[in-house]
PDB file of N, CA and C in Angstrom:
ATOM      1  N   MET A   1     -21.682 -12.300  -6.796  1.00  0.00           N
ATOM      2  CA  MET A   1     -21.802 -11.137  -5.919  1.00  0.00           C
ATOM      3  C   MET A   1     -22.638 -10.092  -6.662  1.00  0.00           C
ATOM      4  N   ASP A   2     -23.368  -9.341  -5.855  1.00  0.00           N
ATOM      5  CA  ASP A   2     -24.291  -8.349  -6.422  1.00  0.00           C
ATOM      6  C   ASP A   2     -23.526  -7.190  -6.981  1.00  0.00           C
ATOM      7  N   GLN A   3     -22.405  -6.815  -6.331  1.00  0.00           N
ATOM      8  CA  GLN A   3     -21.635  -5.617  -6.690  1.00  0.00           C
ATOM      9  C   GLN A   3     -20.710  -5.954  -7.888  1.00  0.00           C
ATOM     10  N   GLU A   4     -20.486  -4.965  -8.715  1.00  0.00           N
ATOM     11  CA  GLU A   4     -19.574  -5.125  -9.792  1.00  0.00           C
ATOM     12  C   GLU A   4     -18.113  -5.121  -9.255  1.00  0.00           C
ATOM     13  N   LEU A   5     -17.365  -6.012  -9.718  1.00  0.00           N
ATOM     14  CA  LEU A   5     -15.959  -6.091  -9.252  1.00  0.00           C
ATOM     15  C   LEU A   5     -14.993  -5.319 -10.141  1.00  0.00           C
ATOM     16  N   ASN A   6     -13.986  -4.696  -9.551  1.00  0.00           N
ATOM     17  CA  ASN A   6     -12.963  -4.099 -10.385  1.00  0.00           C
ATOM     18  C   ASN A   6     -12.090  -5.209 -10.919  1.00  0.00           C
ATOM     19  N   PRO A   7     -11.328  -4.947 -12.011  1.00  0.00           N
ATOM     20  CA  PRO A   7     -10.522  -6.059 -12.639  1.00  0.00           C
ATOM     21  C   PRO A   7      -9.524  -6.646 -11.690  1.00  0.00           C
ATOM     22  N   GLN A   8      -8.894  -5.864 -10.866  1.00  0.00           N
ATOM     23  CA  GLN A   8      -7.852  -6.398  -9.958  1.00  0.00           C
ATOM     24  C   GLN A   8      -8.532  -7.353  -8.936  1.00  0.00           C
ATOM     25  N   THR A   9      -9.651  -6.990  -8.312  1.00  0.00           N
ATOM     26  CA  THR A   9     -10.334  -7.859  -7.411  1.00  0.00           C
ATOM     27  C   THR A   9     -10.816  -9.130  -8.117  1.00  0.00           C
ATOM     28  N   ASP A  10     -11.370  -9.011  -9.257  1.00  0.00           N
ATOM     29  CA  ASP A  10     -11.839 -10.214 -10.028  1.00  0.00           C
ATOM     30  C   ASP A  10     -10.713 -11.130 -10.305  1.00  0.00           C
ATOM     31  N   GLN A  11      -9.540 -10.566 -10.674  1.00  0.00           N
ATOM     32  CA  GLN A  11      -8.331 -11.425 -10.980  1.00  0.00           C
ATOM     33  C   GLN A  11      -7.835 -12.118  -9.742  1.00  0.00           C
ATOM     34  N   ALA A  12      -7.840 -11.398  -8.601  1.00  0.00           N
ATOM     35  CA  ALA A  12      -7.368 -11.991  -7.324  1.00  0.00           C
ATOM     36  C   ALA A  12      -8.325 -13.173  -6.921  1.00  0.00           C
ATOM     37  N   LEU A  13      -9.654 -12.958  -7.098  1.00  0.00           N
ATOM     38  CA  LEU A  13     -10.594 -14.051  -6.787  1.00  0.00           C
ATOM     39  C   LEU A  13     -10.402 -15.260  -7.702  1.00  0.00           C
ATOM     40  N   ASN A  14     -10.211 -15.004  -8.971  1.00  0.00           N
ATOM     41  CA  ASN A  14      -9.981 -16.049  -9.907  1.00  0.00           C
ATOM     42  C   ASN A  14      -8.692 -16.843  -9.597  1.00  0.00           C
ATOM     43  N   GLU A  15      -7.627 -16.136  -9.237  1.00  0.00           N
ATOM     44  CA  GLU A  15      -6.345 -16.761  -8.955  1.00  0.00           C
ATOM     45  C   GLU A  15      -6.448 -17.573  -7.662  1.00  0.00           C
ATOM     46  N   LEU A  16      -7.153 -17.059  -6.643  1.00  0.00           N
ATOM     47  CA  LEU A  16      -7.413 -17.854  -5.436  1.00  0.00           C
ATOM     48  C   LEU A  16      -8.164 -19.087  -5.731  1.00  0.00           C
ATOM     49  N   ALA A  17      -9.161 -19.021  -6.533  1.00  0.00           N
ATOM     50  CA  ALA A  17      -9.923 -20.198  -6.952  1.00  0.00           C
ATOM     51  C   ALA A  17      -9.078 -21.192  -7.700  1.00  0.00           C
ATOM     52  N   MET A  18      -8.217 -20.722  -8.575  1.00  0.00           N
ATOM     53  CA  MET A  18      -7.309 -21.621  -9.326  1.00  0.00           C
ATOM     54  C   MET A  18      -6.331 -22.293  -8.412  1.00  0.00           C
ATOM     55  N   LEU A  19      -5.778 -21.575  -7.417  1.00  0.00           N
ATOM     56  CA  LEU A  19      -4.824 -22.157  -6.443  1.00  0.00           C
ATOM     57  C   LEU A  19      -5.550 -23.177  -5.589  1.00  0.00           C
ATOM     58  N   ILE A  20      -6.801 -22.935  -5.201  1.00  0.00           N
ATOM     59  CA  ILE A  20      -7.488 -23.948  -4.438  1.00  0.00           C
ATOM     60  C   ILE A  20      -7.807 -25.170  -5.255  1.00  0.00           C
ATOM     61  N   CYS A  21      -8.136 -24.987  -6.505  1.00  0.00           N
ATOM     62  CA  CYS A  21      -8.365 -26.147  -7.397  1.00  0.00           C
ATOM     63  C   CYS A  21      -7.020 -26.981  -7.457  1.00  0.00           C
ATOM     64  N   GLN A  22      -5.934 -26.336  -7.586  1.00  0.00           N
ATOM     65  CA  GLN A  22      -4.626 -27.076  -7.620  1.00  0.00           C
ATOM     66  C   GLN A  22      -4.359 -27.781  -6.276  1.00  0.00           C
ATOM     67  N   ALA A  23      -4.734 -27.099  -5.181  1.00  0.00           N
ATOM     68  CA  ALA A  23      -4.551 -27.740  -3.900  1.00  0.00           C
ATOM     69  C   ALA A  23      -5.421 -28.962  -3.764  1.00  0.00           C
ATOM     70  N   LEU A  24      -6.666 -28.881  -4.266  1.00  0.00           N
ATOM     71  CA  LEU A  24      -7.535 -30.025  -4.140  1.00  0.00           C
ATOM     72  C   LEU A  24      -7.090 -31.201  -5.013  1.00  0.00           C
ATOM     73  N   GLU A  25      -6.525 -30.891  -6.147  1.00  0.00           N
ATOM     74  CA  GLU A  25      -6.086 -31.937  -7.099  1.00  0.00           C
ATOM     75  C   GLU A  25      -4.677 -32.509  -6.782  1.00  0.00           C
ATOM     76  N   ASN A  26      -3.755 -31.677  -6.407  1.00  0.00           N
ATOM     77  CA  ASN A  26      -2.441 -32.079  -6.140  1.00  0.00           C
ATOM     78  C   ASN A  26      -1.979 -31.803  -4.750  1.00  0.00           C
ATOM     79  N   ASP A  27      -1.230 -30.683  -4.615  1.00  0.00           N
ATOM     80  CA  ASP A  27      -0.766 -30.266  -3.296  1.00  0.00           C
ATOM     81  C   ASP A  27      -0.995 -28.797  -3.105  1.00  0.00           C
ATOM     82  N   GLY A  28      -0.932 -28.376  -1.924  1.00  0.00           N
ATOM     83  CA  GLY A  28      -1.244 -26.960  -1.634  1.00  0.00           C
ATOM     84  C   GLY A  28      -0.081 -26.059  -1.533  1.00  0.00           C
ATOM     85  N   GLU A  29       1.073 -26.464  -2.086  1.00  0.00           N
ATOM     86  CA  GLU A  29       2.291 -25.697  -2.000  1.00  0.00           C
ATOM     87  C   GLU A  29       2.131 -24.276  -2.547  1.00  0.00           C
ATOM     88  N   MET A  30       1.585 -24.170  -3.860  1.00  0.00           N
ATOM     89  CA  MET A  30       1.384 -22.887  -4.386  1.00  0.00           C
ATOM     90  C   MET A  30       0.368 -21.996  -3.683  1.00  0.00           C
ATOM     91  N   LEU A  31      -0.634 -22.658  -3.095  1.00  0.00           N
ATOM     92  CA  LEU A  31      -1.642 -21.948  -2.386  1.00  0.00           C
ATOM     93  C   LEU A  31      -1.000 -21.263  -1.195  1.00  0.00           C
ATOM     94  N   VAL A  32      -0.175 -22.006  -0.464  1.00  0.00           N
ATOM     95  CA  VAL A  32       0.529 -21.426   0.721  1.00  0.00           C
ATOM     96  C   VAL A  32       1.396 -20.356   0.323  1.00  0.00           C
ATOM     97  N   GLU A  33       2.143 -20.461  -0.769  1.00  0.00           N
ATOM     98  CA  GLU A  33       3.087 -19.393  -1.226  1.00  0.00           C
ATOM     99  C   GLU A  33       2.382 -18.148  -1.660  1.00  0.00           C
ATOM    100  N   ARG A  34       1.253 -18.230  -2.336  1.00  0.00           N
ATOM    101  CA  ARG A  34       0.631 -17.055  -2.968  1.00  0.00           C
ATOM    102  C   ARG A  34      -0.592 -16.532  -2.300  1.00  0.00           C
ATOM    103  N   GLN A  35      -1.184 -17.244  -1.416  1.00  0.00           N
ATOM    104  CA  GLN A  35      -2.476 -16.759  -0.884  1.00  0.00           C
ATOM    105  C   GLN A  35      -2.406 -15.455  -0.104  1.00  0.00           C
ATOM    106  N   ASP A  36      -1.338 -15.238   0.672  1.00  0.00           N
ATOM    107  CA  ASP A  36      -1.305 -14.021   1.431  1.00  0.00           C
ATOM    108  C   ASP A  36      -1.233 -12.819   0.588  1.00  0.00           C
ATOM    109  N   GLY A  37      -0.507 -12.847  -0.496  1.00  0.00           N
ATOM    110  CA  GLY A  37      -0.395 -11.675  -1.373  1.00  0.00           C
ATOM    111  C   GLY A  37      -1.793 -11.390  -2.056  1.00  0.00           C
ATOM    112  N   LEU A  38      -2.435 -12.482  -2.479  1.00  0.00           N
ATOM    113  CA  LEU A  38      -3.754 -12.313  -3.071  1.00  0.00           C
ATOM    114  C   LEU A  38      -4.793 -11.814  -2.112  1.00  0.00           C
ATOM    115  N   LEU A  39      -4.720 -12.313  -0.867  1.00  0.00           N
ATOM    116  CA  LEU A  39      -5.711 -11.865   0.149  1.00  0.00           C
ATOM    117  C   LEU A  39      -5.436 -10.354   0.458  1.00  0.00           C
ATOM    118  N   LYS A  40      -4.193  -9.994   0.493  1.00  0.00           N
ATOM    119  CA  LYS A  40      -3.859  -8.586   0.779  1.00  0.00           C
ATOM    120  C   LYS A  40      -4.331  -7.690  -0.444  1.00  0.00           C
ATOM    121  N   THR A  41      -4.240  -8.208  -1.628  1.00  0.00           N
ATOM    122  CA  THR A  41      -4.798  -7.497  -2.778  1.00  0.00           C
ATOM    123  C   THR A  41      -6.283  -7.279  -2.614  1.00  0.00           C
ATOM    124  N   LEU A  42      -7.003  -8.229  -2.084  1.00  0.00           N
ATOM    125  CA  LEU A  42      -8.399  -8.110  -1.870  1.00  0.00           C
ATOM    126  C   LEU A  42      -8.715  -7.006  -0.774  1.00  0.00           C
ATOM    127  N   VAL A  43      -7.877  -7.040   0.223  1.00  0.00           N
ATOM    128  CA  VAL A  43      -8.101  -6.043   1.325  1.00  0.00           C
ATOM    129  C   VAL A  43      -7.729  -4.646   0.836  1.00  0.00           C
ATOM    130  N   MET A  44      -6.650  -4.551   0.069  1.00  0.00           N
ATOM    131  CA  MET A  44      -6.162  -3.219  -0.367  1.00  0.00           C
ATOM    132  C   MET A  44      -6.882  -2.682  -1.622  1.00  0.00           C
ATOM    133  N   SER A  45      -7.680  -3.545  -2.258  1.00  0.00           N
ATOM    134  CA  SER A  45      -8.321  -3.100  -3.541  1.00  0.00           C
ATOM    135  C   SER A  45      -9.409  -2.074  -3.293  1.00  0.00           C
ATOM    136  N   GLY A  46      -9.822  -1.895  -2.108  1.00  0.00           N
ATOM    137  CA  GLY A  46     -10.834  -0.875  -1.824  1.00  0.00           C
ATOM    138  C   GLY A  46     -12.243  -1.422  -1.984  1.00  0.00           C
ATOM    139  N   HIS A  47     -12.349  -2.579  -2.458  1.00  0.00           N
ATOM    140  CA  HIS A  47     -13.735  -3.171  -2.593  1.00  0.00           C
ATOM    141  C   HIS A  47     -14.131  -3.758  -1.211  1.00  0.00           C
ATOM    142  N   THR A  48     -15.214  -3.270  -0.641  1.00  0.00           N
ATOM    143  CA  THR A  48     -15.617  -3.754   0.708  1.00  0.00           C
ATOM    144  C   THR A  48     -16.798  -4.649   0.589  1.00  0.00           C
ATOM    145  N   TRP A  49     -16.787  -5.624   1.471  1.00  0.00           N
ATOM    146  CA  TRP A  49     -17.872  -6.507   1.627  1.00  0.00           C
ATOM    147  C   TRP A  49     -18.376  -6.469   3.120  1.00  0.00           C
ATOM    148  N   LYS A  50     -19.528  -6.909   3.361  1.00  0.00           N
ATOM    149  CA  LYS A  50     -20.054  -6.878   4.766  1.00  0.00           C
ATOM    150  C   LYS A  50     -19.286  -7.766   5.689  1.00  0.00           C
ATOM    151  N   SER A  51     -18.762  -8.894   5.131  1.00  0.00           N
ATOM    152  CA  SER A  51     -17.984  -9.820   5.970  1.00  0.00           C
ATOM    153  C   SER A  51     -17.057 -10.582   5.079  1.00  0.00           C
ATOM    154  N   GLU A  52     -16.070 -11.226   5.658  1.00  0.00           N
ATOM    155  CA  GLU A  52     -15.132 -12.031   4.896  1.00  0.00           C
ATOM    156  C   GLU A  52     -15.792 -13.300   4.355  1.00  0.00           C
ATOM    157  N   ARG A  53     -16.926 -13.682   4.956  1.00  0.00           N
ATOM    158  CA  ARG A  53     -17.657 -14.862   4.508  1.00  0.00           C
ATOM    159  C   ARG A  53     -18.137 -14.688   3.019  1.00  0.00           C
ATOM    160  N   THR A  54     -18.610 -13.479   2.752  1.00  0.00           N
ATOM    161  CA  THR A  54     -19.059 -13.192   1.369  1.00  0.00           C
ATOM    162  C   THR A  54     -17.922 -13.455   0.384  1.00  0.00           C
ATOM    163  N   VAL A  55     -16.695 -12.935   0.700  1.00  0.00           N
ATOM    164  CA  VAL A  55     -15.599 -13.196  -0.187  1.00  0.00           C
ATOM    165  C   VAL A  55     -15.282 -14.665  -0.370  1.00  0.00           C
ATOM    166  N   MET A  56     -15.303 -15.382   0.769  1.00  0.00           N
ATOM    167  CA  MET A  56     -15.023 -16.793   0.702  1.00  0.00           C
ATOM    168  C   MET A  56     -16.054 -17.562  -0.036  1.00  0.00           C
ATOM    169  N   GLU A  57     -17.319 -17.169   0.089  1.00  0.00           N
ATOM    170  CA  GLU A  57     -18.366 -17.815  -0.649  1.00  0.00           C
ATOM    171  C   GLU A  57     -18.214 -17.625  -2.139  1.00  0.00           C
ATOM    172  N   GLU A  58     -17.697 -16.434  -2.509  1.00  0.00           N
ATOM    173  CA  GLU A  58     -17.445 -16.134  -3.977  1.00  0.00           C
ATOM    174  C   GLU A  58     -16.278 -16.979  -4.439  1.00  0.00           C
ATOM    175  N   VAL A  59     -15.214 -17.112  -3.601  1.00  0.00           N
ATOM    176  CA  VAL A  59     -14.095 -17.996  -3.981  1.00  0.00           C
ATOM    177  C   VAL A  59     -14.575 -19.424  -4.151  1.00  0.00           C
ATOM    178  N   GLU A  60     -15.367 -19.844  -3.239  1.00  0.00           N
ATOM    179  CA  GLU A  60     -15.837 -21.232  -3.296  1.00  0.00           C
ATOM    180  C   GLU A  60     -16.723 -21.428  -4.545  1.00  0.00           C
ATOM    181  N   ARG A  61     -17.551 -20.477  -4.913  1.00  0.00           N
ATOM    182  CA  ARG A  61     -18.344 -20.582  -6.085  1.00  0.00           C
ATOM    183  C   ARG A  61     -17.478 -20.679  -7.316  1.00  0.00           C
ATOM    184  N   ARG A  62     -16.398 -19.852  -7.358  1.00  0.00           N
ATOM    185  CA  ARG A  62     -15.516 -19.898  -8.484  1.00  0.00           C
ATOM    186  C   ARG A  62     -14.741 -21.200  -8.614  1.00  0.00           C
ATOM    187  N   VAL A  63     -14.361 -21.709  -7.432  1.00  0.00           N
ATOM    188  CA  VAL A  63     -13.666 -23.015  -7.438  1.00  0.00           C
ATOM    189  C   VAL A  63     -14.557 -24.103  -8.040  1.00  0.00           C
ATOM    190  N   LYS A  64     -15.843 -24.094  -7.655  1.00  0.00           N
ATOM    191  CA  LYS A  64     -16.740 -25.091  -8.173  1.00  0.00           C
ATOM    192  C   LYS A  64     -16.961 -24.893  -9.690  1.00  0.00           C
ATOM    193  N   ASP A  65     -16.963 -23.661 -10.140  1.00  0.00           N
ATOM    194  CA  ASP A  65     -17.064 -23.430 -11.590  1.00  0.00           C
ATOM    195  C   ASP A  65     -15.773 -23.871 -12.341  1.00  0.00           C
ATOM    196  N   GLN A  66     -14.605 -23.636 -11.759  1.00  0.00           N
ATOM    197  CA  GLN A  66     -13.344 -23.879 -12.463  1.00  0.00           C
ATOM    198  C   GLN A  66     -12.932 -25.320 -12.413  1.00  0.00           C
ATOM    199  N   CYS A  67     -13.127 -25.999 -11.309  1.00  0.00           N
ATOM    200  CA  CYS A  67     -12.671 -27.365 -11.241  1.00  0.00           C
ATOM    201  C   CYS A  67     -13.710 -28.418 -10.970  1.00  0.00           C
ATOM    202  N   GLY A  68     -14.941 -28.068 -11.145  1.00  0.00           N
ATOM    203  CA  GLY A  68     -16.152 -28.914 -11.072  1.00  0.00           C
ATOM    204  C   GLY A  68     -16.003 -30.185 -10.227  1.00  0.00           C
ATOM    205  N   GLU A  69     -15.716 -31.282 -10.889  1.00  0.00           N
ATOM    206  CA  GLU A  69     -15.798 -32.607 -10.242  1.00  0.00           C
ATOM    207  C   GLU A  69     -14.927 -32.702  -8.956  1.00  0.00           C
ATOM    208  N   SER A  70     -13.727 -32.270  -9.038  1.00  0.00           N
ATOM    209  CA  SER A  70     -12.838 -32.431  -7.866  1.00  0.00           C
ATOM    210  C   SER A  70     -13.354 -31.548  -6.706  1.00  0.00           C
ATOM    211  N   ALA A  71     -13.949 -30.445  -6.987  1.00  0.00           N
ATOM    212  CA  ALA A  71     -14.509 -29.579  -5.955  1.00  0.00           C
ATOM    213  C   ALA A  71     -15.749 -30.243  -5.333  1.00  0.00           C
ATOM    214  N   MET A  72     -16.565 -30.867  -6.188  1.00  0.00           N
ATOM    215  CA  MET A  72     -17.800 -31.506  -5.691  1.00  0.00           C
ATOM    216  C   MET A  72     -17.484 -32.727  -4.830  1.00  0.00           C
ATOM    217  N   HIS A  73     -16.461 -33.468  -5.217  1.00  0.00           N
ATOM    218  CA  HIS A  73     -16.101 -34.651  -4.450  1.00  0.00           C
ATOM    219  C   HIS A  73     -15.261 -34.403  -3.236  1.00  0.00           C
ATOM    220  N   ARG A  74     -14.661 -33.179  -3.193  1.00  0.00           N
ATOM    221  CA  ARG A  74     -13.844 -32.824  -1.993  1.00  0.00           C
ATOM    222  C   ARG A  74     -14.406 -31.636  -1.284  1.00  0.00           C
ATOM    223  N   GLY A  75     -15.705 -31.667  -1.105  1.00  0.00           N
ATOM    224  CA  GLY A  75     -16.446 -30.534  -0.496  1.00  0.00           C
ATOM    225  C   GLY A  75     -15.920 -30.117   0.896  1.00  0.00           C
ATOM    226  N   GLY A  76     -15.593 -31.128   1.699  1.00  0.00           N
ATOM    227  CA  GLY A  76     -15.049 -30.874   3.027  1.00  0.00           C
ATOM    228  C   GLY A  76     -13.718 -30.190   2.977  1.00  0.00           C
ATOM    229  N   ALA A  77     -12.852 -30.647   2.170  1.00  0.00           N
ATOM    230  CA  ALA A  77     -11.562 -30.015   1.980  1.00  0.00           C
ATOM    231  C   ALA A  77     -11.675 -28.639   1.417  1.00  0.00           C
ATOM    232  N   LEU A  78     -12.611 -28.416   0.525  1.00  0.00           N
ATOM    233  CA  LEU A  78     -12.829 -27.070  -0.021  1.00  0.00           C
ATOM    234  C   LEU A  78     -13.324 -26.123   1.031  1.00  0.00           C
ATOM    235  N   THR A  79     -14.270 -26.536   1.857  1.00  0.00           N
ATOM    236  CA  THR A  79     -14.762 -25.766   2.939  1.00  0.00           C
ATOM    237  C   THR A  79     -13.700 -25.418   3.929  1.00  0.00           C
ATOM    238  N   SER A  80     -12.863 -26.432   4.235  1.00  0.00           N
ATOM    239  CA  SER A  80     -11.761 -26.213   5.155  1.00  0.00           C
ATOM    240  C   SER A  80     -10.737 -25.159   4.646  1.00  0.00           C
ATOM    241  N   LEU A  81     -10.339 -25.278   3.383  1.00  0.00           N
ATOM    242  CA  LEU A  81      -9.476 -24.322   2.747  1.00  0.00           C
ATOM    243  C   LEU A  81     -10.010 -22.956   2.698  1.00  0.00           C
ATOM    244  N   THR A  82     -11.304 -22.768   2.358  1.00  0.00           N
ATOM    245  CA  THR A  82     -11.835 -21.429   2.247  1.00  0.00           C
ATOM    246  C   THR A  82     -12.132 -20.822   3.644  1.00  0.00           C
ATOM    247  N   SER A  83     -12.418 -21.638   4.647  1.00  0.00           N
ATOM    248  CA  SER A  83     -12.602 -21.062   5.973  1.00  0.00           C
ATOM    249  C   SER A  83     -11.247 -20.651   6.567  1.00  0.00           C
ATOM    250  N   GLN A  84     -10.139 -21.432   6.301  1.00  0.00           N
ATOM    251  CA  GLN A  84      -8.858 -20.995   6.784  1.00  0.00           C
ATOM    252  C   GLN A  84      -8.398 -19.672   6.073  1.00  0.00           C
ATOM    253  N   MET A  85      -8.769 -19.571   4.805  1.00  0.00           N
ATOM    254  CA  MET A  85      -8.476 -18.399   4.029  1.00  0.00           C
ATOM    255  C   MET A  85      -9.262 -17.187   4.562  1.00  0.00           C
ATOM    256  N   GLY A  86     -10.508 -17.408   4.952  1.00  0.00           N
ATOM    257  CA  GLY A  86     -11.330 -16.419   5.519  1.00  0.00           C
ATOM    258  C   GLY A  86     -10.799 -15.867   6.768  1.00  0.00           C
ATOM    259  N   VAL A  87     -10.259 -16.726   7.637  1.00  0.00           N
ATOM    260  CA  VAL A  87      -9.627 -16.304   8.876  1.00  0.00           C
ATOM    261  C   VAL A  87      -8.452 -15.384   8.574  1.00  0.00           C
ATOM    262  N   LYS A  88      -7.610 -15.850   7.590  1.00  0.00           N
ATOM    263  CA  LYS A  88      -6.406 -14.989   7.216  1.00  0.00           C
ATOM    264  C   LYS A  88      -6.892 -13.665   6.654  1.00  0.00           C
ATOM    265  N   LEU A  89      -7.927 -13.622   5.811  1.00  0.00           N
ATOM    266  CA  LEU A  89      -8.442 -12.377   5.246  1.00  0.00           C
ATOM    267  C   LEU A  89      -8.953 -11.460   6.328  1.00  0.00           C
ATOM    268  N   GLN A  90      -9.632 -12.025   7.274  1.00  0.00           N
ATOM    269  CA  GLN A  90     -10.168 -11.223   8.395  1.00  0.00           C
ATOM    270  C   GLN A  90      -9.002 -10.635   9.217  1.00  0.00           C
ATOM    271  N   SER A  91      -7.991 -11.418   9.428  1.00  0.00           N
ATOM    272  CA  SER A  91      -6.823 -11.014  10.222  1.00  0.00           C
ATOM    273  C   SER A  91      -6.072  -9.870   9.450  1.00  0.00           C
ATOM    274  N   LEU A  92      -5.905 -10.030   8.135  1.00  0.00           N
ATOM    275  CA  LEU A  92      -5.277  -8.993   7.348  1.00  0.00           C
ATOM    276  C   LEU A  92      -6.073  -7.716   7.346  1.00  0.00           C
ATOM    277  N   ALA A  93      -7.356  -7.825   7.194  1.00  0.00           N
ATOM    278  CA  ALA A  93      -8.207  -6.649   7.158  1.00  0.00           C
ATOM    279  C   ALA A  93      -8.191  -5.900   8.508  1.00  0.00           C
ATOM    280  N   ARG A  94      -8.132  -6.671   9.590  1.00  0.00           N
ATOM    281  CA  ARG A  94      -8.055  -6.076  10.906  1.00  0.00           C
ATOM    282  C   ARG A  94      -6.720  -5.393  11.112  1.00  0.00           C
ATOM    283  N   TRP A  95      -5.645  -6.047  10.644  1.00  0.00           N
ATOM    284  CA  TRP A  95      -4.326  -5.488  10.794  1.00  0.00           C
ATOM    285  C   TRP A  95      -4.180  -4.221  10.002  1.00  0.00           C
ATOM    286  N   GLU A  96      -4.619  -4.259   8.777  1.00  0.00           N
ATOM    287  CA  GLU A  96      -4.519  -3.040   7.906  1.00  0.00           C
ATOM    288  C   GLU A  96      -5.348  -1.854   8.363  1.00  0.00           C
ATOM    289  N   SER A  97      -6.457  -2.125   9.092  1.00  0.00           N
ATOM    290  CA  SER A  97      -7.339  -1.050   9.547  1.00  0.00           C
ATOM    291  C   SER A  97      -6.887  -0.366  10.795  1.00  0.00           C
ATOM    292  N   LYS A  98      -5.891  -0.989  11.524  1.00  0.00           N
ATOM    293  CA  LYS A  98      -5.480  -0.389  12.783  1.00  0.00           C
ATOM    294  C   LYS A  98      -4.508   0.766  12.489  1.00  0.00           C
ATOM    295  N   SER A  99      -4.754   1.823  13.219  1.00  0.00           N
ATOM    296  CA  SER A  99      -3.823   2.972  13.089  1.00  0.00           C
ATOM    297  C   SER A  99      -2.848   2.901  14.228  1.00  0.00           C
ATOM    298  N   PRO A 100      -1.665   3.504  14.034  1.00  0.00           N
ATOM    299  CA  PRO A 100      -0.683   3.485  15.139  1.00  0.00           C
ATOM    300  C   PRO A 100      -1.295   4.104  16.402  1.00  0.00           C
ATOM    301  N   SER A 101      -0.907   3.551  17.528  1.00  0.00           N
ATOM    302  CA  SER A 101      -1.374   4.038  18.848  1.00  0.00           C
ATOM    303  C   SER A 101      -0.740   5.376  19.070  1.00  0.00           C
ATOM    304  N   GLU A 102      -1.540   6.304  19.612  1.00  0.00           N
ATOM    305  CA  GLU A 102      -1.044   7.554  19.968  1.00  0.00           C
ATOM    306  C   GLU A 102      -0.142   7.541  21.213  1.00  0.00           C
ATOM    307  N   GLU A 103      -0.295   6.461  21.992  1.00  0.00           N
ATOM    308  CA  GLU A 103       0.482   6.295  23.188  1.00  0.00           C
ATOM    309  C   GLU A 103       1.907   5.839  22.906  1.00  0.00           C
ATOM    310  N   THR A 104       2.105   5.162  21.792  1.00  0.00           N
ATOM    311  CA  THR A 104       3.409   4.665  21.456  1.00  0.00           C
ATOM    312  C   THR A 104       4.219   5.777  20.765  1.00  0.00           C
ATOM    313  N   PRO A 105       5.360   6.126  21.367  1.00  0.00           N
ATOM    314  CA  PRO A 105       6.175   7.160  20.806  1.00  0.00           C
ATOM    315  C   PRO A 105       6.763   6.803  19.430  1.00  0.00           C
ATOM    316  N   SER A 106       7.014   7.781  18.675  1.00  0.00           N
ATOM    317  CA  SER A 106       7.627   7.596  17.297  1.00  0.00           C
ATOM    318  C   SER A 106       8.987   7.070  17.510  1.00  0.00           C
ATOM    319  N   LYS A 107       9.441   6.248  16.556  1.00  0.00           N
ATOM    320  CA  LYS A 107      10.776   5.702  16.586  1.00  0.00           C
ATOM    321  C   LYS A 107      11.563   6.227  15.393  1.00  0.00           C
ATOM    322  N   PRO A 108      12.819   6.430  15.546  1.00  0.00           N
ATOM    323  CA  PRO A 108      13.639   6.930  14.463  1.00  0.00           C
ATOM    324  C   PRO A 108      13.621   5.929  13.245  1.00  0.00           C
ATOM    325  N   ALA A 109      13.608   6.465  12.076  1.00  0.00           N
ATOM    326  CA  ALA A 109      13.623   5.676  10.899  1.00  0.00           C
ATOM    327  C   ALA A 109      14.966   4.970  10.652  1.00  0.00           C
ATOM    328  N   ASN A 110      16.055   5.552  11.060  1.00  0.00           N
ATOM    329  CA  ASN A 110      17.360   4.989  10.871  1.00  0.00           C
ATOM    330  C   ASN A 110      18.304   5.539  11.893  1.00  0.00           C
ATOM    331  N   ILE A 111      19.558   5.036  11.912  1.00  0.00           N
ATOM    332  CA  ILE A 111      20.497   5.476  12.932  1.00  0.00           C
ATOM    333  C   ILE A 111      20.851   6.972  12.915  1.00  0.00           C
ATOM    334  N   SER A 112      20.953   7.554  11.715  1.00  0.00           N
ATOM    335  CA  SER A 112      21.274   8.980  11.664  1.00  0.00           C
ATOM    336  C   SER A 112      20.141   9.788  12.164  1.00  0.00           C
ATOM    337  N   SER A 113      18.922   9.335  12.123  1.00  0.00           N
ATOM    338  CA  SER A 113      17.810  10.084  12.742  1.00  0.00           C
ATOM    339  C   SER A 113      17.811   9.957  14.273  1.00  0.00           C
ATOM    340  N   ALA A 114      18.396   8.905  14.776  1.00  0.00           N
ATOM    341  CA  ALA A 114      18.363   8.675  16.197  1.00  0.00           C
ATOM    342  C   ALA A 114      19.539   9.303  16.922  1.00  0.00           C
ATOM    343  N   THR A 115      20.538   9.705  16.192  1.00  0.00           N
ATOM    344  CA  THR A 115      21.698  10.353  16.788  1.00  0.00           C
ATOM    345  C   THR A 115      21.946  11.730  16.260  1.00  0.00           C
ATOM    346  N   ASP A 116      22.880  12.420  16.794  1.00  0.00           N
ATOM    347  CA  ASP A 116      23.246  13.777  16.359  1.00  0.00           C
ATOM    348  C   ASP A 116      24.310  13.690  15.283  1.00  0.00           C
ATOM    349  N   ALA A 117      24.538  12.510  14.702  1.00  0.00           N
ATOM    350  CA  ALA A 117      25.583  12.294  13.675  1.00  0.00           C
ATOM    351  C   ALA A 117      25.336  13.000  12.404  1.00  0.00           C
TER     352      ALA A 117
END
């Protein structure tokens, strides 16, 4: 990537790449368990990209660097995993960017706020 990454973003990208390597070699259990948190870290880190594709291309590049042979021989699986991850990243980014609707009335935080108790 052309832009310099902050350490938190760089670590999240490396961890995603490591998890994808593990998923390509063994099973994807850890990937499923940890990917949402790492993707949210990328969204919340404040580092912006023009599209989620750039992020996924960076993850794919790191996967190829980290696990070489298995990534090269399982290119279709790698592309599938990164595109699924890209959809999740886009969904998280869209969800995080939405502000509460002004038409929706506020709701009480707890029961004592909702009553005169």
